[in-house]
Amino acid sequence: MHAKLMIGAMAMAMSALLQPAAAAPDWQMVAKTFGKPGTEMPDGVYRVGLPRTDLKVSLDGVALKPGFALGGWVAFEPMGIQAMVMGDIVLTQDEVNPVMKKLEESGIEITALHNHLLRSEPTTLYMHIFGEGDPVALATALHAGLALSKTPMENATPAAA
């Protein structure tokens, strides 16, 4: 009986090892769709930096560098052929409502909206986002939302869906 259990367990283990792995998301297509290239990080995470180099923000009269306090980002984590996306997007007050509405209409959840920089001029807000699904569809939704802001995007022409 013990030998049969061992053989069965070994057969199941070998079967699992021989199963083809789920294809990783196509990050090049995500970059093309999103409109801005990113970097593949450890564990297959794909991260896109979104610094607000277009904003001239000061805090108590001191000019802030975009890399210091205005660095938004989104990161995609593969989940089989699907992905989870999370991010922190820097927006001005006037950009918040249209971007939020578009993202929510596209299935992206807004998990937080807050201010990192009290007393800054102009006021900047930080929108935390979350989504799950097809990575290209997520990139399409994020591109559409960010298009309603002045967030700088290199190569900003999205691929046809």
Protein backbone atom coordinates (compact mmCIF):
# COMPACT_ATOMS: atom_id res chain seq x y z
CA MET A 1 0.00 0.00 0.00
CA HIS A 2 2.82 2.39 0.95
CA ALA A 3 4.58 1.75 -2.38
CA LYS A 4 1.39 2.53 -4.33
CA LEU A 5 1.00 5.85 -2.49
CA MET A 6 4.63 6.76 -3.18
CA ILE A 7 4.29 5.91 -6.87
CA GLY A 8 1.05 7.91 -7.10
CA ALA A 9 2.62 10.93 -5.37
CA MET A 10 5.67 10.77 -7.64
CA ALA A 11 3.45 10.54 -10.73
CA MET A 12 1.49 13.61 -9.63
CA ALA A 13 4.69 15.53 -8.95
CA MET A 14 6.12 14.62 -12.37
CA SER A 15 2.84 15.58 -14.03
CA ALA A 16 2.95 19.01 -12.38
CA LEU A 17 6.54 19.52 -13.50
CA LEU A 18 5.70 18.60 -17.08
CA GLN A 19 2.74 21.00 -17.34
CA PRO A 20 3.57 23.97 -19.56
CA ALA A 21 4.00 27.16 -17.59
CA ALA A 22 1.50 29.92 -18.22
CA ALA A 23 2.87 32.42 -20.71
CA ALA A 24 4.17 35.59 -19.13
CA PRO A 25 2.44 38.82 -20.13
CA ASP A 26 3.83 40.57 -23.21
CA TRP A 27 5.42 43.63 -21.59
CA GLN A 28 6.41 45.07 -24.99
CA MET A 29 2.74 45.15 -25.98
CA VAL A 30 1.86 46.65 -22.60
CA ALA A 31 4.48 49.40 -23.15
CA LYS A 32 3.21 50.08 -26.67
CA THR A 33 -0.40 50.24 -25.48
CA PHE A 34 0.35 52.25 -22.35
CA GLY A 35 2.37 54.73 -24.39
CA LYS A 36 5.47 54.74 -22.23
CA PRO A 37 8.23 52.16 -21.76
CA GLY A 38 8.94 50.58 -18.40
CA THR A 39 11.45 48.27 -16.76
CA GLU A 40 11.13 44.60 -15.92
CA MET A 41 11.96 44.17 -12.25
CA PRO A 42 12.72 41.03 -10.20
CA ASP A 43 9.99 38.37 -10.14
CA GLY A 44 8.64 39.55 -13.50
CA VAL A 45 7.12 42.81 -12.24
CA TYR A 46 6.93 45.49 -14.95
CA ARG A 47 7.23 49.05 -13.60
CA VAL A 48 6.64 52.34 -15.42
CA GLY A 49 7.81 55.60 -13.86
CA LEU A 50 5.54 58.62 -14.23
CA PRO A 51 7.47 61.62 -12.88
CA ARG A 52 5.58 64.89 -13.23
CA THR A 53 8.41 66.80 -14.90
CA ASP A 54 5.82 69.20 -16.31
CA LEU A 55 4.92 70.61 -12.88
CA LYS A 56 6.75 73.41 -11.11
CA VAL A 57 5.87 72.75 -7.48
CA SER A 58 7.18 74.59 -4.45
CA LEU A 59 6.74 73.93 -0.77
CA ASP A 60 7.09 76.93 1.53
CA GLY A 61 8.94 78.71 -1.27
CA VAL A 62 11.38 75.85 -2.00
CA ALA A 63 11.22 74.39 -5.52
CA LEU A 64 10.74 70.60 -5.52
CA LYS A 65 12.45 68.34 -8.02
CA PRO A 66 10.13 65.84 -9.76
CA GLY A 67 12.30 62.91 -8.67
CA PHE A 68 12.06 63.98 -5.06
CA ALA A 69 8.32 64.25 -4.51
CA LEU A 70 6.50 64.12 -7.84
CA GLY A 71 7.39 60.61 -8.98
CA GLY A 72 4.30 58.61 -9.86
CA TRP A 73 4.43 55.02 -11.06
CA VAL A 74 2.42 51.97 -12.06
CA ALA A 75 3.60 48.37 -11.71
CA PHE A 76 2.18 45.24 -13.29
CA GLU A 77 2.66 41.89 -11.56
CA PRO A 78 2.06 38.79 -13.66
CA MET A 79 -0.62 36.37 -12.47
CA GLY A 80 -0.47 33.61 -15.08
CA ILE A 81 -1.58 35.21 -18.34
CA GLN A 82 -3.37 37.95 -16.36
CA ALA A 83 -1.82 40.74 -14.29
CA MET A 84 -2.44 42.87 -11.25
CA VAL A 85 -1.59 46.56 -11.53
CA MET A 86 -0.99 48.97 -8.68
CA GLY A 87 0.30 52.50 -8.76
CA ASP A 88 0.60 55.97 -7.34
CA ILE A 89 -0.30 58.71 -9.83
CA VAL A 90 0.56 62.36 -9.19
CA LEU A 91 -2.22 64.73 -10.25
CA THR A 92 -3.18 68.37 -9.89
CA GLN A 93 -6.53 69.26 -8.32
CA ASP A 94 -8.07 69.95 -11.73
CA GLU A 95 -6.95 66.56 -13.07
CA VAL A 96 -8.32 64.39 -10.25
CA ASN A 97 -12.02 64.17 -11.17
CA PRO A 98 -11.71 63.46 -14.90
CA VAL A 99 -8.90 60.92 -14.38
CA MET A 100 -10.74 59.22 -11.51
CA LYS A 101 -13.98 58.98 -13.50
CA LYS A 102 -12.25 57.51 -16.56
CA LEU A 103 -10.26 54.97 -14.54
CA GLU A 104 -13.33 53.83 -12.60
CA GLU A 105 -15.35 53.51 -15.83
CA SER A 106 -12.56 51.29 -17.15
CA GLY A 107 -12.55 49.00 -14.11
CA ILE A 108 -9.53 50.46 -12.33
CA GLU A 109 -10.15 50.89 -8.60
CA ILE A 110 -9.10 54.04 -6.75
CA THR A 111 -7.74 52.81 -3.41
CA ALA A 112 -6.62 56.16 -2.00
CA LEU A 113 -6.46 59.85 -2.81
CA HIS A 114 -4.36 62.04 -0.58
CA ASN A 115 -1.81 64.79 -0.35
CA HIS A 116 1.85 64.05 0.39
CA LEU A 117 2.82 67.72 0.34
CA LEU A 118 0.77 69.98 2.57
CA ARG A 119 1.12 73.67 1.64
CA SER A 120 2.55 72.92 -1.83
CA GLU A 121 1.81 75.24 -4.74
CA PRO A 122 0.17 74.14 -6.89
CA THR A 123 -1.63 71.51 -4.83
CA THR A 124 -0.64 68.01 -5.91
CA LEU A 125 -2.61 64.91 -5.02
CA TYR A 126 -1.61 61.26 -5.11
CA MET A 127 -4.07 58.72 -6.49
CA HIS A 128 -3.40 55.09 -5.64
CA ILE A 129 -4.84 52.63 -8.14
CA PHE A 130 -5.46 48.87 -8.38
CA GLY A 131 -6.69 46.60 -11.14
CA GLU A 132 -6.70 42.97 -12.22
CA GLY A 133 -7.14 41.42 -15.64
CA ASP A 134 -5.60 41.30 -19.07
CA PRO A 135 -2.40 43.38 -18.93
CA VAL A 136 -3.02 45.08 -22.29
CA ALA A 137 -6.58 45.98 -21.26
CA LEU A 138 -5.23 47.42 -17.99
CA ALA A 139 -2.63 49.43 -19.93
CA THR A 140 -5.37 50.71 -22.26
CA ALA A 141 -7.49 51.85 -19.29
CA LEU A 142 -4.55 53.55 -17.60
CA HIS A 143 -3.51 55.31 -20.81
CA ALA A 144 -7.06 56.60 -21.32
CA GLY A 145 -7.20 57.93 -17.75
CA LEU A 146 -3.78 59.55 -17.83
CA ALA A 147 -4.59 61.15 -21.20
CA LEU A 148 -6.98 63.40 -19.25
CA SER A 149 -4.03 64.76 -17.27
CA LYS A 150 -0.84 66.47 -18.36
CA THR A 151 1.31 63.56 -17.15
CA PRO A 152 4.27 63.40 -19.57
CA MET A 153 4.18 60.24 -21.68
CA GLU A 154 6.91 59.39 -24.17
CA ASN A 155 5.76 57.42 -27.21
CA ALA A 156 2.21 58.32 -26.23
CA THR A 157 0.41 56.83 -29.23
CA PRO A 158 -1.42 53.74 -27.97
CA ALA A 159 -1.68 50.60 -30.06
CA ALA A 160 -5.01 49.88 -31.71
CA ALA A 161 -7.14 47.67 -29.48
